[in-house]
C-alpha atoms as a PDB file:
ATOM      1  CA  MET A   1     -21.362 -41.340 -16.665  1.00  0.00           C
ATOM      2  CA  PRO A   2     -19.199 -38.996 -14.580  1.00  0.00           C
ATOM      3  CA  SER A   3     -16.972 -36.454 -16.298  1.00  0.00           C
ATOM      4  CA  PRO A   4     -13.309 -37.374 -16.608  1.00  0.00           C
ATOM      5  CA  GLN A   5     -10.945 -35.919 -14.033  1.00  0.00           C
ATOM      6  CA  ARG A   6      -8.887 -33.021 -15.374  1.00  0.00           C
ATOM      7  CA  LYS A   7      -5.577 -32.183 -13.733  1.00  0.00           C
ATOM      8  CA  ARG A   8      -5.245 -28.448 -13.150  1.00  0.00           C
ATOM      9  CA  LYS A   9      -1.714 -27.120 -12.921  1.00  0.00           C
ATOM     10  CA  VAL A  10      -0.890 -24.546 -10.245  1.00  0.00           C
ATOM     11  CA  THR A  11       2.012 -22.439 -11.462  1.00  0.00           C
ATOM     12  CA  PRO A  12       4.250 -20.286  -9.258  1.00  0.00           C
ATOM     13  CA  PHE A  13       3.856 -16.782 -10.639  1.00  0.00           C
ATOM     14  CA  THR A  14       7.581 -16.204 -10.791  1.00  0.00           C
ATOM     15  CA  THR A  15       7.705 -18.901 -13.456  1.00  0.00           C
ATOM     16  CA  LEU A  16       4.674 -17.583 -15.315  1.00  0.00           C
ATOM     17  CA  LEU A  17       6.134 -14.134 -15.978  1.00  0.00           C
ATOM     18  CA  ASN A  18       9.790 -15.171 -16.170  1.00  0.00           C
ATOM     19  CA  PHE A  19      11.043 -12.225 -14.175  1.00  0.00           C
ATOM     20  CA  VAL A  20      14.491 -12.319 -12.580  1.00  0.00           C
ATOM     21  CA  PRO A  21      14.204 -12.831  -8.816  1.00  0.00           C
ATOM     22  CA  TYR A  22      16.675 -11.865  -6.147  1.00  0.00           C
ATOM     23  CA  LYS A  23      19.847 -13.915  -5.943  1.00  0.00           C
ATOM     24  CA  LYS A  24      18.286 -15.564  -2.897  1.00  0.00           C
ATOM     25  CA  PRO A  25      14.922 -17.319  -3.387  1.00  0.00           C
ATOM     26  CA  LEU A  26      11.694 -15.771  -2.142  1.00  0.00           C
ATOM     27  CA  ASN A  27      11.381 -17.888   0.955  1.00  0.00           C
ATOM     28  CA  TYR A  28       9.711 -15.624   3.511  1.00  0.00           C
ATOM     29  CA  VAL A  29       6.583 -17.344   4.743  1.00  0.00           C
ATOM     30  CA  HIS A  30       4.813 -16.525   7.984  1.00  0.00           C
ATOM     31  CA  SER A  31       5.173 -19.222  10.616  1.00  0.00           C
ATOM     32  CA  ASP A  32       1.426 -19.872  10.624  1.00  0.00           C
ATOM     33  CA  LEU A  33       1.351 -20.486   6.868  1.00  0.00           C
ATOM     34  CA  LYS A  34       3.049 -22.874   4.483  1.00  0.00           C
ATOM     35  CA  GLN A  35       3.976 -22.131   0.873  1.00  0.00           C
ATOM     36  CA  SER A  36       1.375 -23.486  -1.566  1.00  0.00           C
ATOM     37  CA  THR A  37       2.898 -25.815  -4.127  1.00  0.00           C
ATOM     38  CA  LYS A  38       0.315 -28.532  -4.719  1.00  0.00           C
ATOM     39  CA  SER A  39      -1.712 -29.231  -7.823  1.00  0.00           C
ATOM     40  CA  SER A  40      -5.342 -30.249  -7.644  1.00  0.00           C
ATOM     41  CA  THR A  41      -7.924 -31.916  -9.829  1.00  0.00           C
ATOM     42  CA  ARG A  42     -11.312 -30.799 -11.123  1.00  0.00           C
ATOM     43  CA  SER A  43     -14.143 -32.610 -12.817  1.00  0.00           C
ATOM     44  CA  GLY A  44     -15.676 -31.141 -15.940  1.00  0.00           C
ATOM     45  CA  SER A  45     -14.517 -28.252 -18.080  1.00  0.00           C
ATOM     46  CA  ASN A  46     -15.896 -25.302 -16.080  1.00  0.00           C
ATOM     47  CA  GLN A  47     -13.480 -22.874 -14.478  1.00  0.00           C
ATOM     48  CA  PRO A  48     -13.236 -23.327 -10.702  1.00  0.00           C
ATOM     49  CA  THR A  49     -14.589 -20.572  -8.462  1.00  0.00           C
ATOM     50  CA  TYR A  50     -12.546 -18.424  -6.082  1.00  0.00           C
ATOM     51  CA  ARG A  51     -14.029 -20.439  -3.241  1.00  0.00           C
ATOM     52  CA  GLN A  52     -12.924 -23.759  -4.750  1.00  0.00           C
ATOM     53  CA  ILE A  53      -9.406 -22.539  -5.495  1.00  0.00           C
ATOM     54  CA  LEU A  54      -8.939 -21.046  -2.037  1.00  0.00           C
ATOM     55  CA  SER A  55     -10.275 -24.254  -0.494  1.00  0.00           C
ATOM     56  CA  ASP A  56      -7.571 -26.168  -2.382  1.00  0.00           C
ATOM     57  CA  HIS A  57      -5.022 -23.963  -0.629  1.00  0.00           C
ATOM     58  CA  ASN A  58      -6.612 -24.382   2.817  1.00  0.00           C
ATOM     59  CA  TYR A  59      -8.585 -21.137   2.933  1.00  0.00           C
ATOM     60  CA  SER A  60     -12.308 -20.658   3.373  1.00  0.00           C
ATOM     61  CA  LEU A  61     -13.828 -17.538   1.837  1.00  0.00           C
ATOM     62  CA  ILE A  62     -15.662 -15.238   4.256  1.00  0.00           C
ATOM     63  CA  LYS A  63     -16.607 -12.102   2.324  1.00  0.00           C
ATOM     64  CA  SER A  64     -15.497  -9.490  -0.208  1.00  0.00           C
ATOM     65  CA  LEU A  65     -13.464  -6.523   0.996  1.00  0.00           C
ATOM     66  CA  GLY A  66     -13.214  -4.536  -2.242  1.00  0.00           C
ATOM     67  CA  SER A  67     -12.749  -4.699  -5.984  1.00  0.00           C
ATOM     68  CA  GLY A  68     -11.211  -2.826  -8.905  1.00  0.00           C
ATOM     69  CA  SER A  69     -11.218  -3.096 -12.675  1.00  0.00           C
ATOM     70  CA  TYR A  70      -9.003  -6.199 -12.732  1.00  0.00           C
ATOM     71  CA  SER A  71      -8.523  -7.226  -9.102  1.00  0.00           C
ATOM     72  CA  LYS A  72     -10.537  -8.109  -6.020  1.00  0.00           C
ATOM     73  CA  VAL A  73      -9.754  -8.441  -2.334  1.00  0.00           C
ATOM     74  CA  LYS A  74     -11.434 -11.166  -0.288  1.00  0.00           C
ATOM     75  CA  LEU A  75     -11.404 -11.965   3.419  1.00  0.00           C
ATOM     76  CA  ALA A  76     -10.588 -15.606   4.085  1.00  0.00           C
ATOM     77  CA  GLN A  77      -9.738 -17.873   6.988  1.00  0.00           C
ATOM     78  CA  ASN A  78      -7.030 -20.486   7.151  1.00  0.00           C
ATOM     79  CA  SER A  79      -8.739 -23.866   7.625  1.00  0.00           C
ATOM     80  CA  LYS A  80      -5.764 -25.271   9.550  1.00  0.00           C
ATOM     81  CA  LYS A  81      -5.298 -22.192  11.738  1.00  0.00           C
ATOM     82  CA  THR A  82      -8.925 -21.228  12.354  1.00  0.00           C
ATOM     83  CA  SER A  83      -8.060 -18.041  14.229  1.00  0.00           C
ATOM     84  CA  LEU A  84      -5.993 -16.683  11.332  1.00  0.00           C
ATOM     85  CA  LYS A  85      -7.861 -14.406   8.931  1.00  0.00           C
ATOM     86  CA  VAL A  86      -6.121 -13.155   5.807  1.00  0.00           C
ATOM     87  CA  ALA A  87      -6.816 -10.754   2.960  1.00  0.00           C
ATOM     88  CA  VAL A  88      -6.579 -12.377  -0.461  1.00  0.00           C
ATOM     89  CA  LYS A  89      -5.753 -10.117  -3.394  1.00  0.00           C
ATOM     90  CA  ILE A  90      -6.920 -11.735  -6.639  1.00  0.00           C
ATOM     91  CA  VAL A  91      -5.679 -10.390  -9.981  1.00  0.00           C
ATOM     92  CA  ASN A  92      -7.460 -11.325 -13.215  1.00  0.00           C
ATOM     93  CA  LEU A  93      -4.670 -11.862 -15.749  1.00  0.00           C
ATOM     94  CA  SER A  94      -7.000 -11.596 -18.732  1.00  0.00           C
ATOM     95  CA  LYS A  95      -8.267  -8.149 -17.689  1.00  0.00           C
ATOM     96  CA  ALA A  96      -5.061  -6.598 -16.367  1.00  0.00           C
ATOM     97  CA  PRO A  97      -3.190  -4.225 -18.745  1.00  0.00           C
ATOM     98  CA  SER A  98      -0.159  -5.725 -20.467  1.00  0.00           C
ATOM     99  CA  ASP A  99       2.169  -3.111 -18.953  1.00  0.00           C
ATOM    100  CA  PHE A 100       0.943  -4.050 -15.492  1.00  0.00           C
ATOM    101  CA  LEU A 101       1.564  -7.753 -16.188  1.00  0.00           C
ATOM    102  CA  LYS A 102       5.030  -7.221 -17.663  1.00  0.00           C
ATOM    103  CA  ARG A 103       6.369  -4.625 -15.229  1.00  0.00           C
ATOM    104  CA  PHE A 104       4.352  -3.837 -12.135  1.00  0.00           C
ATOM    105  CA  LEU A 105       2.934  -7.181 -11.027  1.00  0.00           C
ATOM    106  CA  PRO A 106       6.319  -8.970 -11.248  1.00  0.00           C
ATOM    107  CA  ARG A 107       7.894  -6.182  -9.182  1.00  0.00           C
ATOM    108  CA  GLU A 108       5.162  -6.442  -6.571  1.00  0.00           C
ATOM    109  CA  LEU A 109       5.636 -10.196  -6.287  1.00  0.00           C
ATOM    110  CA  GLU A 110       9.409  -9.787  -6.143  1.00  0.00           C
ATOM    111  CA  ILE A 111       9.554  -6.964  -3.607  1.00  0.00           C
ATOM    112  CA  TRP A 112       6.701  -7.484  -1.163  1.00  0.00           C
ATOM    113  CA  PRO A 113       7.676 -10.946   0.161  1.00  0.00           C
ATOM    114  CA  LYS A 114      11.063  -9.544   1.204  1.00  0.00           C
ATOM    115  CA  ILE A 115       9.543  -6.813   3.361  1.00  0.00           C
ATOM    116  CA  GLU A 116       9.097  -7.336   7.091  1.00  0.00           C
ATOM    117  CA  HIS A 117       8.147  -4.317   9.203  1.00  0.00           C
ATOM    118  CA  GLN A 118       5.538  -3.826  11.902  1.00  0.00           C
ATOM    119  CA  ASN A 119       3.891  -0.980   9.961  1.00  0.00           C
ATOM    120  CA  ILE A 120       3.735  -2.758   6.600  1.00  0.00           C
ATOM    121  CA  ILE A 121       1.180  -5.403   5.625  1.00  0.00           C
ATOM    122  CA  ARG A 122       2.868  -8.806   5.557  1.00  0.00           C
ATOM    123  CA  PHE A 123       2.975 -10.912   2.403  1.00  0.00           C
ATOM    124  CA  PHE A 124       2.436 -14.581   3.252  1.00  0.00           C
ATOM    125  CA  ASP A 125       2.116 -16.498  -0.014  1.00  0.00           C
ATOM    126  CA  SER A 126       1.221 -16.289  -3.720  1.00  0.00           C
ATOM    127  CA  PHE A 127       0.154 -18.649  -6.484  1.00  0.00           C
ATOM    128  CA  GLU A 128      -1.387 -18.623  -9.956  1.00  0.00           C
ATOM    129  CA  ASP A 129      -4.447 -20.719 -10.692  1.00  0.00           C
ATOM    130  CA  SER A 130      -6.819 -20.784 -13.678  1.00  0.00           C
ATOM    131  CA  GLY A 131      -5.827 -17.376 -15.020  1.00  0.00           C
ATOM    132  CA  TYR A 132      -5.750 -15.553 -11.686  1.00  0.00           C
ATOM    133  CA  VAL A 133      -2.931 -14.599  -9.324  1.00  0.00           C
ATOM    134  CA  TYR A 134      -3.665 -14.955  -5.619  1.00  0.00           C
ATOM    135  CA  MET A 135      -1.712 -13.064  -2.954  1.00  0.00           C
ATOM    136  CA  ILE A 136      -2.241 -14.075   0.669  1.00  0.00           C
ATOM    137  CA  LEU A 137      -1.782 -10.987   2.844  1.00  0.00           C
ATOM    138  CA  GLU A 138      -2.084  -9.876   6.438  1.00  0.00           C
ATOM    139  CA  TYR A 139      -5.626  -8.706   7.241  1.00  0.00           C
ATOM    140  CA  ALA A 140      -6.048  -5.282   8.852  1.00  0.00           C
ATOM    141  CA  SER A 141      -9.504  -5.391  10.435  1.00  0.00           C
ATOM    142  CA  ASN A 142     -10.138  -1.678  11.011  1.00  0.00           C
ATOM    143  CA  GLY A 143     -10.184  -0.610   7.367  1.00  0.00           C
ATOM    144  CA  ASP A 144      -8.257   2.141   5.618  1.00  0.00           C
ATOM    145  CA  MET A 145      -7.341   5.641   6.706  1.00  0.00           C
ATOM    146  CA  LEU A 146      -9.393   7.363   4.016  1.00  0.00           C
ATOM    147  CA  THR A 147     -12.591   5.696   5.231  1.00  0.00           C
ATOM    148  CA  TYR A 148     -11.693   6.643   8.793  1.00  0.00           C
ATOM    149  CA  ILE A 149     -11.207  10.325   7.936  1.00  0.00           C
ATOM    150  CA  GLN A 150     -14.384  10.412   5.845  1.00  0.00           C
ATOM    151  CA  LYS A 151     -16.359   8.923   8.713  1.00  0.00           C
ATOM    152  CA  TYR A 152     -14.850  10.652  11.741  1.00  0.00           C
ATOM    153  CA  GLY A 153     -13.180  13.760  10.332  1.00  0.00           C
ATOM    154  CA  PRO A 154      -9.669  15.060  11.033  1.00  0.00           C
ATOM    155  CA  ILE A 155      -7.629  13.503  13.812  1.00  0.00           C
ATOM    156  CA  PRO A 156      -6.302  15.643  16.700  1.00  0.00           C
ATOM    157  CA  GLU A 157      -2.699  16.680  16.282  1.00  0.00           C
ATOM    158  CA  ILE A 158      -1.301  14.588  19.134  1.00  0.00           C
ATOM    159  CA  GLN A 159      -2.770  11.402  17.656  1.00  0.00           C
ATOM    160  CA  SER A 160      -1.777  12.460  14.135  1.00  0.00           C
ATOM    161  CA  ARG A 161       1.808  12.730  15.283  1.00  0.00           C
ATOM    162  CA  GLY A 162       1.810   9.064  16.234  1.00  0.00           C
ATOM    163  CA  ILE A 163       0.283   8.067  12.904  1.00  0.00           C
ATOM    164  CA  ALA A 164       2.802  10.154  10.963  1.00  0.00           C
ATOM    165  CA  ASN A 165       5.650   8.614  12.931  1.00  0.00           C
ATOM    166  CA  GLN A 166       4.518   5.079  12.019  1.00  0.00           C
ATOM    167  CA  ILE A 167       4.221   6.002   8.334  1.00  0.00           C
ATOM    168  CA  CYS A 168       7.628   7.682   8.307  1.00  0.00           C
ATOM    169  CA  GLN A 169       9.330   4.801  10.124  1.00  0.00           C
ATOM    170  CA  ALA A 170       7.917   2.304   7.626  1.00  0.00           C
ATOM    171  CA  THR A 171       8.941   4.519   4.700  1.00  0.00           C
ATOM    172  CA  LYS A 172      12.459   4.894   6.105  1.00  0.00           C
ATOM    173  CA  TYR A 173      12.669   1.104   6.324  1.00  0.00           C
ATOM    174  CA  LEU A 174      11.687   0.843   2.648  1.00  0.00           C
ATOM    175  CA  HIS A 175      14.126   3.542   1.555  1.00  0.00           C
ATOM    176  CA  ASP A 176      16.897   1.872   3.544  1.00  0.00           C
ATOM    177  CA  GLN A 177      16.169  -1.274   1.509  1.00  0.00           C
ATOM    178  CA  ASN A 178      16.394   0.789  -1.713  1.00  0.00           C
ATOM    179  CA  ILE A 179      12.633   0.380  -2.219  1.00  0.00           C
ATOM    180  CA  THR A 180      10.278   3.195  -3.121  1.00  0.00           C
ATOM    181  CA  HIS A 181       6.524   2.761  -2.746  1.00  0.00           C
ATOM    182  CA  ARG A 182       5.402   5.388  -5.302  1.00  0.00           C
ATOM    183  CA  ASP A 183       1.726   5.242  -4.330  1.00  0.00           C
ATOM    184  CA  LEU A 184       1.490   6.386  -0.733  1.00  0.00           C
ATOM    185  CA  LYS A 185      -2.038   7.646  -0.021  1.00  0.00           C
ATOM    186  CA  LEU A 186      -4.770   7.284   2.600  1.00  0.00           C
ATOM    187  CA  GLU A 187      -6.351   4.336   0.775  1.00  0.00           C
ATOM    188  CA  ASN A 188      -3.065   2.438   1.090  1.00  0.00           C
ATOM    189  CA  LEU A 189      -2.805   2.978   4.839  1.00  0.00           C
ATOM    190  CA  LEU A 190      -4.671   0.294   6.763  1.00  0.00           C
ATOM    191  CA  LEU A 191      -5.485   0.022  10.476  1.00  0.00           C
ATOM    192  CA  ASP A 192      -5.153  -3.263  12.326  1.00  0.00           C
ATOM    193  CA  GLN A 193      -7.193  -4.323  15.353  1.00  0.00           C
ATOM    194  CA  SER A 194      -4.939  -2.294  17.681  1.00  0.00           C
ATOM    195  CA  ASN A 195      -5.126   0.724  15.331  1.00  0.00           C
ATOM    196  CA  SER A 196      -1.520   0.531  14.217  1.00  0.00           C
ATOM    197  CA  VAL A 197      -0.936   1.845  10.700  1.00  0.00           C
ATOM    198  CA  LYS A 198       0.028  -0.648   7.981  1.00  0.00           C
ATOM    199  CA  ILE A 199       1.216   0.402   4.520  1.00  0.00           C
ATOM    200  CA  THR A 200      -0.199  -1.803   1.765  1.00  0.00           C
ATOM    201  CA  ASP A 201      -0.310  -2.186  -2.035  1.00  0.00           C
ATOM    202  CA  PHE A 202       3.116  -2.455  -3.647  1.00  0.00           C
ATOM    203  CA  SER A 203       1.805  -2.453  -7.223  1.00  0.00           C
ATOM    204  CA  PHE A 204       3.985   0.542  -8.152  1.00  0.00           C
ATOM    205  CA  ALA A 205       6.913  -0.205  -5.836  1.00  0.00           C
ATOM    206  CA  LYS A 206      10.379  -0.266  -7.323  1.00  0.00           C
ATOM    207  CA  LEU A 207      13.844  -1.404  -6.335  1.00  0.00           C
ATOM    208  CA  ASN A 208      16.291   1.415  -6.904  1.00  0.00           C
ATOM    209  CA  PRO A 209      19.731   0.421  -5.570  1.00  0.00           C
ATOM    210  CA  LYS A 210      21.541   2.985  -7.736  1.00  0.00           C
ATOM    211  CA  HIS A 211      19.170   5.799  -6.707  1.00  0.00           C
ATOM    212  CA  ASP A 212      18.408   6.581 -10.334  1.00  0.00           C
ATOM    213  CA  LEU A 213      15.737   9.090 -11.280  1.00  0.00           C
ATOM    214  CA  SER A 214      12.413   7.567 -12.296  1.00  0.00           C
ATOM    215  CA  ARG A 215      10.544   8.256 -15.507  1.00  0.00           C
ATOM    216  CA  THR A 216       7.436   6.199 -14.806  1.00  0.00           C
ATOM    217  CA  TYR A 217       4.657   8.504 -13.671  1.00  0.00           C
ATOM    218  CA  CYS A 218       2.441   6.464 -11.398  1.00  0.00           C
ATOM    219  CA  GLY A 219       0.480   6.968  -8.218  1.00  0.00           C
ATOM    220  CA  SER A 220      -2.374   9.348  -7.450  1.00  0.00           C
ATOM    221  CA  LYS A 221      -2.658  12.936  -8.650  1.00  0.00           C
ATOM    222  CA  SER A 222      -3.781  14.238  -5.256  1.00  0.00           C
ATOM    223  CA  TYR A 223      -0.499  13.095  -3.709  1.00  0.00           C
ATOM    224  CA  ALA A 224       1.786  13.794  -6.674  1.00  0.00           C
ATOM    225  CA  SER A 225       4.807  16.077  -6.397  1.00  0.00           C
ATOM    226  CA  PRO A 226       5.398  18.933  -8.897  1.00  0.00           C
ATOM    227  CA  GLU A 227       8.058  17.043 -10.824  1.00  0.00           C
ATOM    228  CA  ILE A 228       5.658  14.141 -11.402  1.00  0.00           C
ATOM    229  CA  LEU A 229       2.844  16.462 -12.500  1.00  0.00           C
ATOM    230  CA  THR A 230       5.140  18.194 -14.993  1.00  0.00           C
ATOM    231  CA  GLY A 231       6.506  14.902 -16.354  1.00  0.00           C
ATOM    232  CA  GLU A 232      10.113  15.459 -15.367  1.00  0.00           C
ATOM    233  CA  PRO A 233      12.520  12.726 -14.225  1.00  0.00           C
ATOM    234  CA  TYR A 234      12.105  12.528 -10.466  1.00  0.00           C
ATOM    235  CA  ASP A 235      13.691  11.134  -7.326  1.00  0.00           C
ATOM    236  CA  PRO A 236      11.179   8.476  -6.173  1.00  0.00           C
ATOM    237  CA  HIS A 237      12.333   8.773  -2.544  1.00  0.00           C
ATOM    238  CA  LYS A 238      11.511  12.482  -2.561  1.00  0.00           C
ATOM    239  CA  ALA A 239       8.184  11.770  -4.290  1.00  0.00           C
ATOM    240  CA  ASP A 240       7.320   9.435  -1.400  1.00  0.00           C
ATOM    241  CA  VAL A 241       8.184  12.256   0.996  1.00  0.00           C
ATOM    242  CA  TRP A 242       5.849  14.673  -0.811  1.00  0.00           C
ATOM    243  CA  ALA A 243       3.026  12.125  -0.609  1.00  0.00           C
ATOM    244  CA  ILE A 244       3.602  11.777   3.136  1.00  0.00           C
ATOM    245  CA  GLY A 245       3.228  15.549   3.469  1.00  0.00           C
ATOM    246  CA  ALA A 246      -0.145  15.343   1.717  1.00  0.00           C
ATOM    247  CA  ILE A 247      -1.187  12.480   4.000  1.00  0.00           C
ATOM    248  CA  MET A 248      -0.206  14.415   7.129  1.00  0.00           C
ATOM    249  CA  TYR A 249      -2.086  17.503   5.965  1.00  0.00           C
ATOM    250  CA  ILE A 250      -5.264  15.530   5.232  1.00  0.00           C
ATOM    251  CA  ILE A 251      -5.160  13.606   8.501  1.00  0.00           C
ATOM    252  CA  CYS A 252      -4.870  16.821  10.526  1.00  0.00           C
ATOM    253  CA  THR A 253      -7.298  19.004   8.551  1.00  0.00           C
ATOM    254  CA  GLY A 254      -9.685  16.662   6.760  1.00  0.00           C
ATOM    255  CA  LYS A 255      -8.954  18.643   3.576  1.00  0.00           C
ATOM    256  CA  MET A 256      -6.794  18.147   0.488  1.00  0.00           C
ATOM    257  CA  PRO A 257      -3.718  20.401   0.444  1.00  0.00           C
ATOM    258  CA  PHE A 258      -4.167  21.350  -3.218  1.00  0.00           C
ATOM    259  CA  ASN A 259      -7.252  21.721  -5.392  1.00  0.00           C
ATOM    260  CA  GLU A 260      -6.699  19.248  -8.210  1.00  0.00           C
ATOM    261  CA  ASN A 261      -9.893  20.389  -9.969  1.00  0.00           C
ATOM    262  CA  ARG A 262      -8.316  23.734 -10.910  1.00  0.00           C
ATOM    263  CA  GLY A 263      -6.081  22.359 -13.655  1.00  0.00           C
ATOM    264  CA  LEU A 264      -2.369  21.676 -13.798  1.00  0.00           C
ATOM    265  CA  LYS A 265      -1.202  25.298 -13.990  1.00  0.00           C
ATOM    266  CA  LYS A 266      -3.198  26.319 -10.929  1.00  0.00           C
ATOM    267  CA  ILE A 267      -2.102  23.252  -8.956  1.00  0.00           C
ATOM    268  CA  LEU A 268       1.558  24.028  -9.644  1.00  0.00           C
ATOM    269  CA  GLU A 269       1.003  27.624  -8.525  1.00  0.00           C
ATOM    270  CA  GLU A 270      -0.512  26.373  -5.274  1.00  0.00           C
ATOM    271  CA  GLN A 271       2.410  24.001  -4.783  1.00  0.00           C
ATOM    272  CA  LYS A 272       4.869  26.870  -5.266  1.00  0.00           C
ATOM    273  CA  ASN A 273       3.077  29.430  -3.109  1.00  0.00           C
ATOM    274  CA  LEU A 274       2.015  27.131  -0.226  1.00  0.00           C
ATOM    275  CA  VAL A 275      -0.750  29.382   1.052  1.00  0.00           C
ATOM    276  CA  PHE A 276      -2.814  27.275   3.445  1.00  0.00           C
ATOM    277  CA  PRO A 277      -5.834  28.404   5.525  1.00  0.00           C
ATOM    278  CA  TRP A 278      -4.136  27.595   8.809  1.00  0.00           C
ATOM    279  CA  PHE A 279      -6.488  29.967  10.688  1.00  0.00           C
ATOM    280  CA  ARG A 280      -9.286  27.401  10.204  1.00  0.00           C
ATOM    281  CA  PHE A 281      -7.431  24.674  12.082  1.00  0.00           C
ATOM    282  CA  GLN A 282      -6.009  24.471  15.572  1.00  0.00           C
ATOM    283  CA  LEU A 283      -2.588  23.240  14.537  1.00  0.00           C
ATOM    284  CA  SER A 284       0.775  24.112  16.027  1.00  0.00           C
ATOM    285  CA  GLU A 285       3.229  26.372  14.267  1.00  0.00           C
ATOM    286  CA  CYS A 286       5.696  23.494  14.469  1.00  0.00           C
ATOM    287  CA  PHE A 287       3.377  21.327  12.356  1.00  0.00           C
ATOM    288  CA  GLN A 288       2.784  24.121   9.848  1.00  0.00           C
ATOM    289  CA  LYS A 289       6.518  24.619   9.363  1.00  0.00           C
ATOM    290  CA  LEU A 290       7.073  20.903   8.822  1.00  0.00           C
ATOM    291  CA  ILE A 291       4.353  20.694   6.165  1.00  0.00           C
ATOM    292  CA  CYS A 292       5.802  23.643   4.260  1.00  0.00           C
ATOM    293  CA  CYS A 293       9.264  22.086   4.537  1.00  0.00           C
ATOM    294  CA  ILE A 294       8.032  18.773   3.124  1.00  0.00           C
ATOM    295  CA  PHE A 295       6.274  20.626   0.296  1.00  0.00           C
ATOM    296  CA  THR A 296       9.546  22.060  -0.993  1.00  0.00           C
ATOM    297  CA  TYR A 297       8.956  22.552  -4.713  1.00  0.00           C
ATOM    298  CA  ASN A 298      12.496  21.670  -5.772  1.00  0.00           C
ATOM    299  CA  TYR A 299      12.920  17.978  -4.973  1.00  0.00           C
ATOM    300  CA  ILE A 300      16.694  18.379  -4.608  1.00  0.00           C
ATOM    301  CA  LYS A 301      16.095  20.680  -1.620  1.00  0.00           C
ATOM    302  CA  ARG A 302      13.176  18.652  -0.260  1.00  0.00           C
ATOM    303  CA  PRO A 303      14.028  16.864   3.007  1.00  0.00           C
ATOM    304  CA  SER A 304      14.658  13.132   3.125  1.00  0.00           C
ATOM    305  CA  ILE A 305      12.593  10.804   5.295  1.00  0.00           C
ATOM    306  CA  GLU A 306      15.478  10.752   7.804  1.00  0.00           C
ATOM    307  CA  VAL A 307      15.314  14.535   8.178  1.00  0.00           C
ATOM    308  CA  ILE A 308      11.548  14.441   8.688  1.00  0.00           C
ATOM    309  CA  LEU A 309      11.892  11.838  11.444  1.00  0.00           C
ATOM    310  CA  GLU A 310      14.341  14.165  13.214  1.00  0.00           C
ATOM    311  CA  SER A 311      11.988  17.150  12.937  1.00  0.00           C
ATOM    312  CA  GLU A 312      10.833  18.974  16.058  1.00  0.00           C
ATOM    313  CA  TRP A 313       7.190  18.028  15.491  1.00  0.00           C
ATOM    314  CA  LEU A 314       7.840  14.278  15.284  1.00  0.00           C
ATOM    315  CA  LYS A 315      10.295  14.414  18.164  1.00  0.00           C
ATOM    316  CA  GLU A 316       7.531  15.547  20.498  1.00  0.00           C
ATOM    317  CA  LYS A 317       5.486  13.042  22.499  1.00  0.00           C
ATOM    318  CA  LYS A 318       4.045  10.442  20.132  1.00  0.00           C
ATOM    319  CA  SER A 319       0.594   8.918  20.206  1.00  0.00           C
ATOM    320  CA  SER A 320      -1.608   6.797  17.957  1.00  0.00           C
ATOM    321  CA  LEU A 321      -5.200   6.048  17.084  1.00  0.00           C
ATOM    322  CA  GLN A 322      -5.351   3.789  20.137  1.00  0.00           C
ATOM    323  CA  SER A 323      -6.202   6.797  22.297  1.00  0.00           C
ATOM    324  CA  LEU A 324      -9.273   7.647  20.233  1.00  0.00           C
ATOM    325  CA  PRO A 325     -12.731   6.395  21.306  1.00  0.00           C
ATOM    326  CA  ASP A 326     -13.135   2.708  20.456  1.00  0.00           C
ATOM    327  CA  ASN A 327     -15.690   3.297  17.720  1.00  0.00           C
ATOM    328  CA  GLU A 328     -13.627   2.602  14.638  1.00  0.00           C
ATOM    329  CA  LYS A 329     -14.354  -1.125  14.923  1.00  0.00           C
ATOM    330  CA  ASP A 330     -17.815  -0.594  13.438  1.00  0.00           C
ATOM    331  CA  MET A 331     -16.262   0.569  10.164  1.00  0.00           C
END
């Protein structure tokens, strides 16, 4: 005798966590995709698989792209638009920390759908099903910037200038929307098929319309500003700027700007003194000056993203990864 049919409710995640959305509804959906609102049925009492759930929402699973302690990223294809591949971020609600569920995940789901910029990964759709949250995202086929640097080494300065410009333009867009990313790093910079940079992962992003100082210390130590490392209230916009300086330094040199293995006291000394081995790298004096300007220890005196975009180095002829040999596609 067949098992009885069990109706499985698909809950919009905004309802699940009861966070307060914008005054306007979250209604940004890419033209190739439609918002998922249907419920589906299952036979038996077993939990459905990722593949089954994605199939219910018109996606076929292709492969895994990565995983963490409580989330995974899968590559999938839209069954109605067969040429459209998407990245699916899947969050396990039973494994995620309570603070993440109460604060960070609701913010991510509130903020990301409102963002639309050519250098930021697009957010297409989201739904909750069987204890997991699914986010349907733009797929960047050429991987992340960290993997690129690890595989190919530092990028010539002229190409790095183009990359830095894309990152800064996207960050300016966010700051103009009163959004701070708070976790800018190479792993969160993706490359699409044309090698344009795309910022991703808004887990720690925050709306800050009043430009208040932050007291939540998140992000990655390697990209953290002095005020974050010392646990002081900080300007999240200026913390984003510091992280961009670290990104620019790594892209151009293949090295970390500060040795985080030396302990907090030593790191802070390095951040104050700013003694870099420039003689090892063929980098312009203009670039060196900009890096030292970005790494201003006092965040009040640190330049804004607008000032960086007007800097002499970024005002020079721009380029991008497109002018590199076409070998990154085998990543």
